[in-house]
Amino acid sequence: MSVSVVLPDQLRGLVPDGSNVCLPGDPGTVREALETLRRHHLEVYHRIVTEQGEVRPHVNLFVGRENIRWHEGLETRLPEGAELVVLPAVSGG
């Protein structure tokens, strides 16, 4: 199974490809995918995850069309061929 991490414009300059990161191995959950990302792209990982290992408040992670915050958080399962989409939060007034 392969999992692809789709990065926003703000993070694309941190990876050689510039947009997607294909994770090696078989991450079964979002947490496992982020740990794999940490081993291969530490700088990207630190922009997504806090020092306590939680998703930063201004970052949203989607598996398909579903925000992981509305499901099982970091324990959200990744189906075969999943895309983990990283989106910055949008706010304003």
N, C-alpha and C. Protein backbone atom coordinates (compact mmCIF):
# COMPACT_ATOMS: atom_id res chain seq x y z
N MET A 1 0.85 -1.18 0.00
CA MET A 1 0.00 0.00 0.00
C MET A 1 0.89 1.24 0.00
N SER A 2 0.52 2.21 -0.76
CA SER A 2 1.27 3.46 -0.74
C SER A 2 0.35 4.58 -0.26
N VAL A 3 0.94 5.49 0.47
CA VAL A 3 0.23 6.66 0.96
C VAL A 3 0.96 7.88 0.42
N SER A 4 0.20 8.80 -0.10
CA SER A 4 0.76 10.03 -0.64
C SER A 4 0.35 11.18 0.26
N VAL A 5 1.30 12.04 0.60
CA VAL A 5 1.02 13.24 1.38
C VAL A 5 1.03 14.42 0.42
N VAL A 6 -0.10 15.12 0.34
CA VAL A 6 -0.24 16.28 -0.55
C VAL A 6 0.00 17.53 0.29
N LEU A 7 0.99 18.31 -0.11
CA LEU A 7 1.41 19.47 0.68
C LEU A 7 0.84 20.77 0.12
N PRO A 8 0.59 21.76 0.99
CA PRO A 8 0.17 23.08 0.53
C PRO A 8 1.37 23.84 -0.02
N ASP A 9 1.09 24.92 -0.72
CA ASP A 9 2.16 25.73 -1.31
C ASP A 9 3.24 26.11 -0.30
N GLN A 10 2.85 26.42 0.93
CA GLN A 10 3.80 26.88 1.94
C GLN A 10 4.88 25.84 2.27
N LEU A 11 4.60 24.57 2.03
CA LEU A 11 5.55 23.52 2.39
C LEU A 11 6.21 22.85 1.20
N ARG A 12 5.78 23.18 0.02
CA ARG A 12 6.27 22.48 -1.18
C ARG A 12 7.76 22.69 -1.44
N GLY A 13 8.30 23.80 -1.03
CA GLY A 13 9.72 24.06 -1.23
C GLY A 13 10.62 23.23 -0.33
N LEU A 14 10.03 22.51 0.61
CA LEU A 14 10.82 21.72 1.56
C LEU A 14 11.06 20.29 1.09
N VAL A 15 10.46 19.91 -0.03
CA VAL A 15 10.63 18.55 -0.55
C VAL A 15 11.12 18.61 -1.99
N PRO A 16 11.90 17.64 -2.42
CA PRO A 16 12.45 17.67 -3.78
C PRO A 16 11.40 17.73 -4.88
N ASP A 17 10.34 16.95 -4.76
CA ASP A 17 9.29 16.89 -5.77
C ASP A 17 8.50 18.19 -5.81
N GLY A 18 8.26 18.78 -4.64
CA GLY A 18 7.59 20.06 -4.58
C GLY A 18 6.11 20.03 -4.32
N SER A 19 5.46 18.87 -4.34
CA SER A 19 4.03 18.89 -4.08
C SER A 19 3.55 17.68 -3.29
N ASN A 20 3.94 16.49 -3.71
CA ASN A 20 3.50 15.27 -3.04
C ASN A 20 4.70 14.52 -2.50
N VAL A 21 4.47 13.80 -1.41
CA VAL A 21 5.48 12.93 -0.85
C VAL A 21 4.87 11.53 -0.82
N CYS A 22 5.46 10.61 -1.52
CA CYS A 22 5.02 9.22 -1.49
C CYS A 22 5.76 8.54 -0.36
N LEU A 23 5.03 8.07 0.63
CA LEU A 23 5.64 7.48 1.82
C LEU A 23 5.98 6.02 1.57
N PRO A 24 7.19 5.62 1.93
CA PRO A 24 7.54 4.20 1.82
C PRO A 24 6.89 3.40 2.94
N GLY A 25 6.84 2.11 2.77
CA GLY A 25 6.30 1.25 3.81
C GLY A 25 4.79 1.15 3.73
N ASP A 26 4.21 0.83 4.84
CA ASP A 26 2.79 0.55 4.89
C ASP A 26 2.14 1.23 6.10
N PRO A 27 2.11 2.59 6.13
CA PRO A 27 1.49 3.24 7.28
C PRO A 27 -0.01 2.97 7.31
N GLY A 28 -0.48 2.44 8.42
CA GLY A 28 -1.89 2.09 8.53
C GLY A 28 -2.75 3.18 9.12
N THR A 29 -2.12 4.14 9.82
CA THR A 29 -2.86 5.24 10.44
C THR A 29 -2.16 6.55 10.09
N VAL A 30 -2.87 7.63 10.36
CA VAL A 30 -2.28 8.96 10.15
C VAL A 30 -1.04 9.12 11.02
N ARG A 31 -1.08 8.65 12.26
CA ARG A 31 0.08 8.75 13.16
C ARG A 31 1.30 8.05 12.54
N GLU A 32 1.10 6.84 12.02
CA GLU A 32 2.19 6.09 11.41
C GLU A 32 2.71 6.81 10.15
N ALA A 33 1.80 7.41 9.39
CA ALA A 33 2.22 8.16 8.20
C ALA A 33 3.07 9.36 8.60
N LEU A 34 2.67 10.06 9.65
CA LEU A 34 3.44 11.22 10.11
C LEU A 34 4.80 10.81 10.65
N GLU A 35 4.88 9.66 11.31
CA GLU A 35 6.17 9.17 11.79
C GLU A 35 7.09 8.84 10.61
N THR A 36 6.53 8.27 9.57
CA THR A 36 7.32 8.00 8.36
C THR A 36 7.77 9.31 7.73
N LEU A 37 6.88 10.29 7.68
CA LEU A 37 7.24 11.61 7.16
C LEU A 37 8.36 12.22 8.00
N ARG A 38 8.30 12.05 9.31
CA ARG A 38 9.35 12.58 10.20
C ARG A 38 10.72 12.00 9.85
N ARG A 39 10.77 10.71 9.58
CA ARG A 39 12.04 10.06 9.26
C ARG A 39 12.63 10.52 7.93
N HIS A 40 11.78 10.92 7.00
CA HIS A 40 12.25 11.27 5.65
C HIS A 40 12.25 12.77 5.36
N HIS A 41 11.40 13.52 6.03
CA HIS A 41 11.28 14.97 5.78
C HIS A 41 11.01 15.68 7.11
N LEU A 42 12.01 15.72 7.95
CA LEU A 42 11.87 16.25 9.30
C LEU A 42 11.34 17.68 9.33
N GLU A 43 11.82 18.52 8.45
CA GLU A 43 11.39 19.92 8.44
C GLU A 43 9.90 20.05 8.13
N VAL A 44 9.40 19.25 7.21
CA VAL A 44 7.97 19.24 6.90
C VAL A 44 7.18 18.75 8.12
N TYR A 45 7.65 17.68 8.72
CA TYR A 45 6.99 17.12 9.91
C TYR A 45 6.83 18.18 11.00
N HIS A 46 7.89 18.94 11.28
CA HIS A 46 7.83 19.95 12.33
C HIS A 46 6.87 21.08 12.01
N ARG A 47 6.56 21.31 10.76
CA ARG A 47 5.58 22.33 10.39
C ARG A 47 4.14 21.84 10.58
N ILE A 48 3.97 20.52 10.69
CA ILE A 48 2.64 19.92 10.81
C ILE A 48 2.34 19.49 12.24
N VAL A 49 3.36 19.02 12.95
CA VAL A 49 3.17 18.39 14.26
C VAL A 49 3.91 19.18 15.34
N THR A 50 3.27 19.31 16.51
CA THR A 50 3.88 20.01 17.64
C THR A 50 4.93 19.15 18.33
N GLU A 51 5.64 19.74 19.27
CA GLU A 51 6.63 19.03 20.05
C GLU A 51 5.99 17.92 20.89
N GLN A 52 4.69 18.04 21.16
CA GLN A 52 3.97 17.03 21.94
C GLN A 52 3.40 15.92 21.04
N GLY A 53 3.65 16.00 19.74
CA GLY A 53 3.18 14.96 18.83
C GLY A 53 1.75 15.12 18.35
N GLU A 54 1.17 16.30 18.52
CA GLU A 54 -0.19 16.57 18.07
C GLU A 54 -0.17 17.45 16.82
N VAL A 55 -1.22 17.36 16.03
CA VAL A 55 -1.33 18.21 14.84
C VAL A 55 -1.44 19.66 15.30
N ARG A 56 -0.66 20.52 14.67
CA ARG A 56 -0.69 21.94 15.04
C ARG A 56 -2.10 22.51 14.84
N PRO A 57 -2.51 23.45 15.70
CA PRO A 57 -3.87 23.98 15.63
C PRO A 57 -4.23 24.63 14.29
N HIS A 58 -3.26 25.20 13.62
CA HIS A 58 -3.53 25.89 12.36
C HIS A 58 -3.39 24.99 11.13
N VAL A 59 -3.26 23.68 11.36
CA VAL A 59 -3.10 22.71 10.28
C VAL A 59 -4.28 21.74 10.30
N ASN A 60 -4.83 21.47 9.13
CA ASN A 60 -5.88 20.47 8.99
C ASN A 60 -5.35 19.32 8.15
N LEU A 61 -5.67 18.11 8.55
CA LEU A 61 -5.28 16.92 7.81
C LEU A 61 -6.53 16.20 7.35
N PHE A 62 -6.56 15.87 6.07
CA PHE A 62 -7.70 15.19 5.49
C PHE A 62 -7.25 13.86 4.91
N VAL A 63 -8.06 12.84 5.14
CA VAL A 63 -7.90 11.57 4.44
C VAL A 63 -9.08 11.53 3.48
N GLY A 64 -8.77 11.64 2.21
CA GLY A 64 -9.85 11.83 1.24
C GLY A 64 -10.49 13.18 1.51
N ARG A 65 -11.80 13.19 1.73
CA ARG A 65 -12.52 14.44 2.00
C ARG A 65 -12.82 14.65 3.47
N GLU A 66 -12.33 13.75 4.32
CA GLU A 66 -12.68 13.78 5.73
C GLU A 66 -11.55 14.35 6.59
N ASN A 67 -11.88 15.38 7.37
CA ASN A 67 -10.93 15.96 8.31
C ASN A 67 -10.72 14.96 9.45
N ILE A 68 -9.48 14.65 9.77
CA ILE A 68 -9.22 13.65 10.81
C ILE A 68 -9.72 14.10 12.17
N ARG A 69 -9.85 15.40 12.39
CA ARG A 69 -10.34 15.91 13.67
C ARG A 69 -11.79 15.47 13.92
N TRP A 70 -12.53 15.19 12.86
CA TRP A 70 -13.93 14.78 12.99
C TRP A 70 -14.07 13.26 13.11
N HIS A 71 -12.96 12.56 13.07
CA HIS A 71 -13.00 11.10 13.13
C HIS A 71 -12.15 10.61 14.30
N GLU A 72 -11.13 9.86 14.02
CA GLU A 72 -10.32 9.28 15.08
C GLU A 72 -8.99 9.99 15.27
N GLY A 73 -8.89 11.20 14.78
CA GLY A 73 -7.66 11.96 14.95
C GLY A 73 -6.47 11.25 14.33
N LEU A 74 -5.38 11.20 15.05
CA LEU A 74 -4.16 10.57 14.53
C LEU A 74 -4.31 9.07 14.34
N GLU A 75 -5.32 8.48 14.95
CA GLU A 75 -5.55 7.04 14.79
C GLU A 75 -6.47 6.73 13.60
N THR A 76 -6.82 7.75 12.82
CA THR A 76 -7.63 7.53 11.62
C THR A 76 -6.92 6.57 10.70
N ARG A 77 -7.63 5.54 10.26
CA ARG A 77 -7.06 4.53 9.37
C ARG A 77 -6.86 5.10 7.98
N LEU A 78 -5.81 4.63 7.32
CA LEU A 78 -5.51 5.02 5.95
C LEU A 78 -5.83 3.86 5.01
N PRO A 79 -6.82 4.04 4.13
CA PRO A 79 -7.12 2.97 3.19
C PRO A 79 -6.00 2.84 2.16
N GLU A 80 -5.99 1.74 1.46
CA GLU A 80 -4.98 1.50 0.43
C GLU A 80 -5.01 2.63 -0.60
N GLY A 81 -3.83 3.15 -0.92
CA GLY A 81 -3.71 4.22 -1.90
C GLY A 81 -4.20 5.57 -1.42
N ALA A 82 -4.28 5.76 -0.11
CA ALA A 82 -4.83 6.99 0.47
C ALA A 82 -3.98 8.21 0.14
N GLU A 83 -4.65 9.35 0.10
CA GLU A 83 -3.97 10.64 0.06
C GLU A 83 -4.22 11.32 1.40
N LEU A 84 -3.16 11.74 2.04
CA LEU A 84 -3.23 12.52 3.26
C LEU A 84 -2.95 13.96 2.85
N VAL A 85 -3.98 14.78 2.89
CA VAL A 85 -3.88 16.16 2.42
C VAL A 85 -3.65 17.08 3.60
N VAL A 86 -2.61 17.91 3.49
CA VAL A 86 -2.27 18.89 4.52
C VAL A 86 -2.76 20.26 4.04
N LEU A 87 -3.63 20.88 4.84
CA LEU A 87 -4.16 22.20 4.48
C LEU A 87 -4.00 23.14 5.67
N PRO A 88 -3.52 24.36 5.42
CA PRO A 88 -3.48 25.33 6.50
C PRO A 88 -4.90 25.79 6.82
N ALA A 89 -5.14 26.10 8.08
CA ALA A 89 -6.44 26.60 8.48
C ALA A 89 -6.67 27.98 7.87
N VAL A 90 -7.91 28.27 7.54
CA VAL A 90 -8.27 29.56 6.99
C VAL A 90 -9.12 30.28 8.03
N SER A 91 -8.74 31.49 8.34
CA SER A 91 -9.52 32.25 9.30
C SER A 91 -9.53 33.71 8.87
N GLY A 92 -10.31 34.45 9.51
CA GLY A 92 -10.36 35.87 9.18
C GLY A 92 -11.71 36.43 9.58
N GLY A 93 -11.91 37.65 9.23
CA GLY A 93 -13.19 38.27 9.64
C GLY A 93 -13.68 39.22 8.63
